[in-house]
N, C-alpha and C. Protein backbone atom coordinates (compact mmCIF):
# COMPACT_ATOMS: atom_id res chain seq x y z
N MET A 1 25.89 8.29 19.39
CA MET A 1 25.34 8.19 20.12
C MET A 1 23.69 7.37 19.64
N ARG A 2 23.13 5.55 19.35
CA ARG A 2 22.30 6.23 18.86
C ARG A 2 21.07 5.77 20.48
N VAL A 3 20.08 7.07 19.87
CA VAL A 3 19.13 7.24 20.86
C VAL A 3 18.04 6.82 20.70
N TYR A 4 16.53 5.97 21.01
CA TYR A 4 16.00 5.56 20.83
C TYR A 4 14.91 6.19 21.34
N VAL A 5 14.10 7.25 21.14
CA VAL A 5 12.88 8.02 21.90
C VAL A 5 11.60 7.56 21.41
N PRO A 6 10.87 6.84 22.57
CA PRO A 6 9.28 6.60 22.93
C PRO A 6 8.78 8.10 22.19
N SER A 7 7.56 7.50 21.89
CA SER A 7 6.78 8.59 21.07
C SER A 7 5.37 7.72 21.44
N THR A 8 4.95 8.80 20.36
CA THR A 8 2.87 8.41 19.84
C THR A 8 3.32 8.49 17.92
N VAL A 9 1.96 8.21 17.53
CA VAL A 9 1.39 8.70 16.32
C VAL A 9 1.64 10.24 16.21
N GLU A 10 1.07 10.37 17.62
CA GLU A 10 0.69 12.35 17.56
C GLU A 10 2.17 12.86 17.67
N GLY A 11 2.94 12.37 18.43
CA GLY A 11 4.55 13.33 18.70
C GLY A 11 5.25 13.07 16.85
N LEU A 12 4.91 11.92 16.84
CA LEU A 12 5.79 11.69 15.16
C LEU A 12 5.59 12.87 13.91
N GLN A 13 3.50 12.87 14.43
CA GLN A 13 3.29 14.56 13.55
C GLN A 13 3.69 15.52 13.87
N ARG A 14 3.76 15.91 15.02
CA ARG A 14 4.36 16.76 15.79
C ARG A 14 5.33 17.42 14.85
N LEU A 15 6.40 16.04 15.36
CA LEU A 15 7.87 16.23 14.53
C LEU A 15 7.72 16.25 13.10
N MET A 16 7.31 15.78 11.94
CA MET A 16 6.68 16.38 10.66
C MET A 16 6.62 18.18 10.43
N CYS A 17 4.99 18.18 11.37
CA CYS A 17 5.02 19.41 11.66
C CYS A 17 6.03 20.45 11.90
N ASN A 18 6.25 20.16 12.71
CA ASN A 18 7.70 20.73 13.36
C ASN A 18 9.26 21.21 12.79
N GLY A 19 9.50 19.84 12.32
CA GLY A 19 10.32 19.42 11.60
C GLY A 19 12.26 19.09 13.12
N GLU A 20 11.02 19.34 14.46
CA GLU A 20 12.32 18.95 15.69
C GLU A 20 11.25 17.91 16.56
N ILE A 21 12.23 17.52 17.65
CA ILE A 21 11.47 16.79 18.57
C ILE A 21 12.21 18.02 19.70
N GLU A 22 11.37 18.39 20.46
CA GLU A 22 11.39 19.33 21.39
C GLU A 22 12.93 18.94 22.91
N ALA A 23 13.27 20.04 22.93
CA ALA A 23 14.19 19.66 23.91
C ALA A 23 13.81 18.93 25.02
N HIS A 24 14.76 18.39 25.33
CA HIS A 24 15.14 18.10 27.02
C HIS A 24 13.52 16.31 26.46
N ALA A 25 14.27 15.71 25.08
CA ALA A 25 13.35 14.50 24.88
C ALA A 25 13.92 13.44 26.27
N GLU A 26 13.55 12.56 26.50
CA GLU A 26 13.76 11.49 26.74
C GLU A 26 14.19 10.09 26.58
N GLY A 27 14.84 9.21 26.47
CA GLY A 27 15.17 7.89 25.84
C GLY A 27 15.95 6.87 25.96
N PHE A 28 16.74 6.06 25.55
CA PHE A 28 17.20 4.98 25.60
C PHE A 28 18.19 4.96 24.69
N ALA A 29 19.33 4.38 25.18
CA ALA A 29 20.64 4.06 24.70
C ALA A 29 21.98 3.42 24.92
N ALA A 30 22.78 3.10 24.78
CA ALA A 30 23.66 1.86 25.11
C ALA A 30 24.72 2.96 25.79
N THR A 31 24.21 2.99 27.05
CA THR A 31 25.60 4.12 27.37
C THR A 31 26.74 3.45 28.31
N ASP A 32 27.60 4.36 28.64
CA ASP A 32 28.95 3.01 28.81
C ASP A 32 28.64 1.95 30.01
N GLU A 33 27.97 2.54 31.32
CA GLU A 33 27.76 1.77 31.68
C GLU A 33 27.01 0.26 31.88
N LEU A 34 25.68 0.56 30.54
CA LEU A 34 24.99 -0.56 30.07
C LEU A 34 25.70 -1.20 29.57
N LEU A 35 26.72 -0.62 28.67
CA LEU A 35 27.50 -1.81 27.97
C LEU A 35 28.69 -2.49 28.66
N ARG A 36 29.09 -2.21 29.78
CA ARG A 36 29.81 -2.80 30.24
C ARG A 36 29.35 -4.13 31.54
N ALA A 37 27.93 -3.33 32.39
CA ALA A 37 26.86 -4.43 32.58
C ALA A 37 26.77 -5.55 31.49
N LEU A 38 26.42 -5.02 30.41
CA LEU A 38 25.78 -6.06 29.37
C LEU A 38 26.88 -6.71 28.02
N ASP A 39 28.47 -6.80 28.87
CA ASP A 39 29.56 -7.05 27.83
C ASP A 39 29.29 -8.29 27.64
N GLU A 40 28.81 -9.54 28.06
CA GLU A 40 28.42 -10.66 26.98
C GLU A 40 27.67 -10.68 26.32
N LEU A 41 26.72 -9.63 25.84
CA LEU A 41 25.99 -8.98 24.65
C LEU A 41 26.40 -8.34 23.70
N THR A 42 26.04 -9.00 22.24
CA THR A 42 26.78 -8.33 21.32
C THR A 42 25.77 -6.92 21.15
N GLU A 43 26.35 -6.03 20.34
CA GLU A 43 25.96 -4.96 20.36
C GLU A 43 24.75 -4.78 19.98
N LYS A 44 24.22 -5.36 19.01
CA LYS A 44 22.50 -5.90 18.20
C LYS A 44 22.04 -5.87 19.29
N GLU A 45 22.53 -7.43 20.14
CA GLU A 45 21.16 -7.99 21.35
C GLU A 45 21.61 -6.38 22.58
N ILE A 46 21.91 -5.86 22.60
CA ILE A 46 22.19 -4.50 23.00
C ILE A 46 21.08 -3.98 22.69
N ASP A 47 20.92 -2.67 21.90
CA ASP A 47 20.62 -2.23 20.42
C ASP A 47 18.89 -3.19 20.89
N PHE A 48 18.68 -3.78 20.80
CA PHE A 48 17.45 -4.81 20.16
C PHE A 48 16.75 -4.76 22.24
N LEU A 49 17.34 -4.32 23.17
CA LEU A 49 17.01 -4.46 24.63
C LEU A 49 16.76 -2.76 24.64
N VAL A 50 17.36 -2.34 23.98
CA VAL A 50 17.20 -0.57 25.08
C VAL A 50 16.07 -0.10 23.84
N SER A 51 16.21 -0.57 22.27
CA SER A 51 14.54 -0.70 21.38
C SER A 51 13.90 -1.08 22.25
N SER A 52 13.75 -1.91 22.52
CA SER A 52 12.39 -2.79 23.49
C SER A 52 12.09 -1.82 24.80
N ALA A 53 12.95 -1.05 25.37
CA ALA A 53 12.90 -0.28 26.96
C ALA A 53 12.03 0.39 26.48
N ALA A 54 12.61 1.50 24.98
CA ALA A 54 11.53 2.39 23.90
C ALA A 54 10.25 2.09 23.51
N ALA A 55 10.54 1.03 23.44
CA ALA A 55 8.73 0.60 22.94
C ALA A 55 7.65 0.43 23.71
N GLU A 56 8.68 0.04 25.22
CA GLU A 56 7.43 -0.45 26.63
C GLU A 56 7.30 1.23 27.25
N ALA A 57 8.25 1.63 26.93
CA ALA A 57 8.02 3.73 27.22
C ALA A 57 6.80 4.33 26.52
N SER A 58 7.25 3.55 25.47
CA SER A 58 5.63 4.44 23.94
C SER A 58 4.60 3.75 24.20
N LEU A 59 4.41 2.65 25.00
CA LEU A 59 3.04 2.13 25.27
C LEU A 59 2.03 2.28 26.86
N ALA A 60 3.44 3.15 27.29
CA ALA A 60 2.76 4.00 28.77
C ALA A 60 2.29 5.08 28.47
N LEU A 61 2.71 5.58 27.04
CA LEU A 61 2.51 7.12 27.08
C LEU A 61 1.11 6.65 25.77
N LEU A 62 0.86 5.53 25.43
CA LEU A 62 -0.27 5.81 24.62
C LEU A 62 -1.49 5.86 26.00
N GLY A 63 -1.27 5.21 27.00
CA GLY A 63 -2.18 5.28 27.62
C GLY A 63 -3.86 4.54 27.49
N GLU A 64 -4.70 5.45 27.70
CA GLU A 64 -6.17 4.96 26.94
C GLU A 64 -6.89 5.73 26.01
N ARG A 65 -5.60 5.39 24.75
CA ARG A 65 -6.09 6.18 23.64
C ARG A 65 -7.57 5.25 22.71
N ASP A 66 -7.83 5.75 22.06
CA ASP A 66 -8.69 5.23 20.93
C ASP A 66 -8.01 4.38 19.83
N ALA A 67 -8.97 3.89 19.52
CA ALA A 67 -8.22 2.86 18.65
C ALA A 67 -7.18 3.55 17.48
N SER A 68 -7.49 4.62 17.08
CA SER A 68 -6.37 5.16 15.85
C SER A 68 -5.48 5.24 16.29
N SER A 69 -4.90 5.78 17.63
CA SER A 69 -3.83 6.27 17.83
C SER A 69 -3.04 4.78 19.19
N ARG A 70 -3.41 3.92 18.79
CA ARG A 70 -2.54 2.47 19.47
C ARG A 70 -1.58 2.14 18.72
N ARG A 71 -0.69 3.44 18.33
CA ARG A 71 0.32 2.52 18.08
C ARG A 71 2.07 2.67 18.38
N ARG A 72 2.74 1.39 19.26
CA ARG A 72 3.60 2.30 19.62
C ARG A 72 4.91 3.08 18.44
N VAL A 73 5.19 4.09 19.14
CA VAL A 73 6.32 4.29 18.18
C VAL A 73 7.79 4.83 18.37
N VAL A 74 8.50 4.20 18.00
CA VAL A 74 9.79 4.93 18.95
C VAL A 74 10.66 5.95 17.57
N ILE A 75 11.43 7.02 17.60
CA ILE A 75 11.72 7.62 17.13
C ILE A 75 13.15 7.16 17.03
N VAL A 76 13.98 6.90 16.36
CA VAL A 76 15.56 6.42 16.30
C VAL A 76 16.74 7.60 15.80
N THR A 77 17.60 8.26 16.70
CA THR A 77 17.65 9.34 16.01
C THR A 77 20.32 8.62 16.33
N GLU A 78 20.62 9.64 16.10
CA GLU A 78 22.44 9.86 16.24
C GLU A 78 22.42 10.94 16.39
N MET A 79 22.92 10.89 18.18
CA MET A 79 23.58 12.35 18.54
C MET A 79 24.66 11.58 19.39
N PRO A 80 25.42 13.49 19.13
CA PRO A 80 27.14 13.00 19.37
C PRO A 80 27.05 12.74 20.63
N ASN A 81 28.28 12.17 21.81
CA ASN A 81 28.30 11.46 22.77
C ASN A 81 27.53 12.66 23.83
N GLY A 82 28.54 13.63 23.39
CA GLY A 82 28.60 15.11 24.56
C GLY A 82 27.00 15.58 24.43
N ALA A 83 26.20 15.21 23.18
CA ALA A 83 24.68 15.37 23.56
C ALA A 83 23.44 15.08 24.05
N VAL A 84 24.29 14.09 24.87
CA VAL A 84 22.87 13.33 25.79
C VAL A 84 23.24 13.06 26.47
N GLY A 85 22.46 13.02 28.04
CA GLY A 85 22.66 12.94 29.39
C GLY A 85 22.24 11.75 29.73
N GLU A 86 22.82 11.69 30.62
CA GLU A 86 22.08 10.21 31.10
C GLU A 86 21.94 10.49 32.45
N VAL A 87 20.31 9.97 32.37
CA VAL A 87 19.64 9.79 33.56
C VAL A 87 20.08 8.42 34.57
N ASP A 88 19.83 7.31 33.80
CA ASP A 88 19.94 6.01 34.26
C ASP A 88 20.66 5.63 33.60
N GLN A 89 22.39 5.30 33.97
CA GLN A 89 23.45 4.60 33.29
C GLN A 89 22.89 3.10 33.20
N ALA A 90 22.87 2.25 34.50
CA ALA A 90 22.36 1.33 34.13
C ALA A 90 21.35 0.74 33.62
N ALA A 91 20.35 1.10 33.47
CA ALA A 91 19.06 1.24 32.60
C ALA A 91 18.94 1.55 31.43
N GLY A 92 19.75 2.73 31.14
CA GLY A 92 19.70 3.36 29.55
C GLY A 92 19.54 3.93 29.29
N ALA A 93 18.78 4.70 30.37
CA ALA A 93 17.56 6.07 30.27
C ALA A 93 18.85 7.59 30.18
N VAL A 94 18.25 7.84 28.90
CA VAL A 94 19.27 9.36 28.59
C VAL A 94 17.79 10.64 28.40
N VAL A 95 18.75 12.12 28.41
CA VAL A 95 17.86 12.93 27.95
C VAL A 95 18.89 13.33 27.16
N VAL A 96 18.12 14.05 26.00
CA VAL A 96 18.64 15.12 24.93
C VAL A 96 18.41 16.51 25.17
N PRO A 97 19.28 17.00 26.27
CA PRO A 97 18.73 18.30 26.50
C PRO A 97 18.18 19.60 25.15
N THR A 98 18.88 19.61 23.70
CA THR A 98 18.73 20.46 22.86
C THR A 98 17.10 19.99 22.03
N SER A 99 16.89 20.01 21.88
CA SER A 99 16.31 19.63 20.39
C SER A 99 16.75 18.73 18.98
N ILE A 100 16.19 18.07 18.90
CA ILE A 100 16.36 17.35 17.74
C ILE A 100 15.89 17.27 16.59
N GLY A 101 16.48 17.56 15.40
CA GLY A 101 16.18 18.49 14.81
C GLY A 101 15.77 16.70 13.34
N LEU A 102 14.73 17.01 12.90
CA LEU A 102 14.19 15.70 11.65
C LEU A 102 15.74 15.70 10.54
N ALA A 103 16.58 16.48 10.53
CA ALA A 103 17.99 15.67 9.89
C ALA A 103 18.30 14.80 10.38
N ARG A 104 18.57 14.81 11.59
CA ARG A 104 19.10 13.89 13.25
C ARG A 104 18.29 12.07 12.94
N VAL A 105 17.18 12.76 12.57
CA VAL A 105 16.29 11.17 12.73
C VAL A 105 16.40 10.10 10.94
N ASP A 106 17.06 8.92 11.96
CA ASP A 106 17.56 7.83 10.84
C ASP A 106 16.38 6.96 10.93
N ALA A 107 15.92 6.38 11.30
CA ALA A 107 14.27 5.89 11.21
C ALA A 107 13.65 5.93 12.28
N VAL A 108 12.11 5.18 12.34
CA VAL A 108 11.07 5.28 13.32
C VAL A 108 10.51 3.52 13.48
N LEU A 109 10.16 3.20 14.34
CA LEU A 109 10.15 1.96 15.09
C LEU A 109 8.42 2.40 15.46
N ALA A 110 8.31 1.23 14.88
CA ALA A 110 6.62 1.69 14.95
C ALA A 110 6.05 0.35 15.08
N ASP A 111 4.75 -0.14 16.09
CA ASP A 111 3.99 -0.88 15.10
C ASP A 111 3.00 -1.02 13.90
N THR A 112 2.71 -2.05 13.34
CA THR A 112 2.15 -1.82 11.51
C THR A 112 0.59 -1.51 11.64
N ASP A 113 0.17 -2.44 12.85
CA ASP A 113 -1.30 -2.19 13.41
C ASP A 113 -1.41 -1.90 14.42
N ASP A 114 -2.56 -1.54 14.93
CA ASP A 114 -3.40 -1.08 16.37
C ASP A 114 -2.55 -2.09 17.40
N VAL A 115 -2.16 -1.79 18.56
CA VAL A 115 -1.78 -2.32 19.69
C VAL A 115 -2.85 -2.82 20.33
N ASP A 116 -2.94 -3.84 21.03
CA ASP A 116 -4.36 -4.18 21.85
C ASP A 116 -3.51 -3.58 23.39
N LEU A 117 -4.51 -2.60 23.95
CA LEU A 117 -3.55 -2.60 25.07
C LEU A 117 -4.30 -3.08 26.28
N THR A 118 -4.70 -4.00 26.19
CA THR A 118 -5.38 -4.98 26.90
C THR A 118 -4.15 -6.35 27.44
N ARG A 119 -3.80 -6.30 26.56
CA ARG A 119 -2.59 -7.42 26.43
C ARG A 119 -1.08 -6.54 26.66
N ARG A 120 -0.19 -7.50 26.70
CA ARG A 120 1.12 -7.06 26.83
C ARG A 120 2.16 -7.44 25.25
N PRO A 121 2.09 -5.88 24.42
CA PRO A 121 2.10 -6.76 22.31
C PRO A 121 4.00 -7.25 22.76
N ASP A 122 4.12 -8.50 22.39
CA ASP A 122 5.31 -9.40 22.53
C ASP A 122 6.03 -9.33 21.38
N ASP A 123 5.44 -8.40 19.67
CA ASP A 123 5.97 -8.41 18.75
C ASP A 123 7.11 -7.14 18.71
N ALA A 124 7.60 -7.25 17.56
CA ALA A 124 8.93 -6.17 17.27
C ALA A 124 8.36 -5.50 16.63
N LEU A 125 8.81 -4.70 16.65
CA LEU A 125 7.98 -3.22 16.16
C LEU A 125 8.72 -3.29 14.57
N ALA A 126 8.41 -2.56 13.87
CA ALA A 126 8.47 -2.75 12.25
C ALA A 126 9.77 -1.38 12.45
N TRP A 127 10.42 -1.60 11.18
CA TRP A 127 11.47 -1.07 10.73
C TRP A 127 11.00 -0.06 9.65
N PHE A 128 11.10 1.76 9.89
CA PHE A 128 10.95 2.22 8.77
C PHE A 128 12.12 3.66 8.36
N ALA A 129 12.54 3.95 7.09
CA ALA A 129 13.21 4.40 7.45
C ALA A 129 12.79 5.89 6.94
N SER A 130 13.49 6.74 7.27
CA SER A 130 12.91 8.21 7.61
C SER A 130 12.25 8.83 6.61
N GLN A 131 12.90 8.43 5.33
CA GLN A 131 12.46 8.74 3.85
C GLN A 131 10.61 8.10 4.11
N GLU A 132 10.20 6.68 4.67
CA GLU A 132 8.72 6.36 4.75
C GLU A 132 8.08 7.21 5.89
N ILE A 133 8.66 8.02 6.71
CA ILE A 133 7.95 8.81 8.00
C ILE A 133 6.49 8.91 6.89
N GLY A 134 6.30 9.79 6.16
CA GLY A 134 5.09 10.62 5.61
C GLY A 134 3.85 8.92 5.30
N ASP A 135 4.94 8.17 4.71
CA ASP A 135 4.05 6.57 4.55
C ASP A 135 3.16 6.17 5.78
N LEU A 136 4.30 6.11 6.50
CA LEU A 136 3.17 5.46 8.12
C LEU A 136 2.42 6.12 8.40
N LEU A 137 2.61 7.47 8.28
CA LEU A 137 1.63 8.52 9.16
C LEU A 137 0.35 8.49 8.43
N ALA A 138 1.33 8.34 7.09
CA ALA A 138 -0.90 7.83 6.11
C ALA A 138 -1.84 6.90 6.33
């Protein structure tokens, strides 16, 4: 199951330093109930909706930070179905009860520039492969 974990630049730096995301990370995924509710949408459209929910949650994590930290970050990971607990199946909210090792991170979605927190960002996040995380943080 692909899980989109909302984060921040600081959270991404912790992942790179510690080699894992701490247990009980909250995220979003295409749960069975969500798939049934949105059965008229394609898999790609549902993934976009789920990743957008994670981007919104990342924006909420940013709060009122200084300009150097105003980037939405979403960590994309693949987890076995049984390793993900469902919080709100209808909304796709999930929790990963175990830590998520860096090897499970497929990619990172992130703003390429600082987000203007005074308005709602409408632009999609850029996709960075896991081997590009260092460049993203540089």
